[in-house]
Amino acid sequence: MIDWTNVLSNRTKVSKVKKFAAGETTGQELYSGFANTDSGGEVRTLLRTHGVTYSRRLARKALKRRGY
């Protein structure tokens, strides 16, 4: 289970996830954007477990449910 509150904890992280969900960045760019952060492991787990396509869908869902 992905801890989306940790992944979407500030504006910078939200903007990175928004770009990924919209298809403007790749999974590798999202992964490198979260590298060496407290939520880097969550993003890595998301991409490894679900793959890029389904991760985009989950990211869109998470953003929508939180009003971003």
Protein backbone atom coordinates (compact mmCIF):
# COMPACT_ATOMS: atom_id res chain seq x y z
CA MET A 1 0.00 0.00 0.00
CA ILE A 2 1.39 3.37 -1.03
CA ASP A 3 1.40 6.17 1.55
CA TRP A 4 0.15 8.98 -0.69
CA THR A 5 0.12 11.55 2.14
CA ASN A 6 3.88 11.12 2.36
CA VAL A 7 4.36 11.22 -1.41
CA LEU A 8 2.15 14.33 -1.79
CA SER A 9 3.44 16.14 1.29
CA ASN A 10 4.51 19.44 -0.34
CA ARG A 11 4.01 21.51 -3.49
CA THR A 12 7.17 20.37 -5.21
CA LYS A 13 6.26 16.72 -4.82
CA VAL A 14 2.69 17.37 -5.93
CA SER A 15 3.88 19.12 -9.09
CA LYS A 16 6.21 16.20 -9.93
CA VAL A 17 3.39 13.69 -9.47
CA LYS A 18 1.00 15.86 -11.52
CA LYS A 19 3.46 15.94 -14.42
CA PHE A 20 3.91 12.18 -14.19
CA ALA A 21 0.15 11.55 -14.04
CA ALA A 22 -0.39 13.77 -17.09
CA GLY A 23 2.25 11.87 -19.05
CA GLU A 24 4.68 14.77 -19.26
CA THR A 25 7.46 12.86 -17.48
CA THR A 26 8.59 9.27 -17.52
CA GLY A 27 8.74 6.80 -14.67
CA GLN A 28 12.52 7.21 -14.56
CA GLU A 29 12.19 10.98 -14.21
CA LEU A 30 9.68 10.56 -11.39
CA TYR A 31 11.96 8.05 -9.69
CA SER A 32 15.00 10.32 -9.97
CA GLY A 33 12.96 13.30 -8.77
CA PHE A 34 12.15 11.50 -5.54
CA ALA A 35 15.59 9.92 -5.07
CA ASN A 36 17.18 10.55 -1.66
CA THR A 37 13.95 11.86 -0.14
CA ASP A 38 11.82 10.41 2.63
CA SER A 39 9.19 9.29 0.11
CA GLY A 40 11.63 7.88 -2.46
CA GLY A 41 10.98 4.34 -1.32
CA GLU A 42 7.24 4.76 -1.79
CA VAL A 43 7.70 5.94 -5.38
CA ARG A 44 10.18 3.15 -6.10
CA THR A 45 7.75 0.57 -4.72
CA LEU A 46 4.90 2.06 -6.74
CA LEU A 47 6.80 1.85 -10.01
CA ARG A 48 8.30 -1.58 -9.39
CA THR A 49 5.07 -3.17 -8.20
CA HIS A 50 2.59 -1.67 -10.64
CA GLY A 51 4.61 -0.51 -13.64
CA VAL A 52 4.46 2.91 -15.25
CA THR A 53 1.04 2.73 -16.90
CA TYR A 54 -0.89 1.62 -13.84
CA SER A 55 1.19 3.93 -11.62
CA ARG A 56 0.01 6.88 -13.71
CA ARG A 57 -3.59 5.80 -13.16
CA LEU A 58 -3.04 5.46 -9.42
CA ALA A 59 -1.35 8.86 -9.29
CA ARG A 60 -4.30 10.48 -11.10
CA LYS A 61 -6.67 8.80 -8.65
CA ALA A 62 -4.67 9.96 -5.64
CA LEU A 63 -4.46 13.54 -6.91
CA LYS A 64 -8.16 13.66 -7.71
CA ARG A 65 -9.18 12.29 -4.32
CA ARG A 66 -7.08 14.88 -2.54
CA GLY A 67 -8.35 17.79 -4.63
CA TYR A 68 -5.17 18.51 -6.58
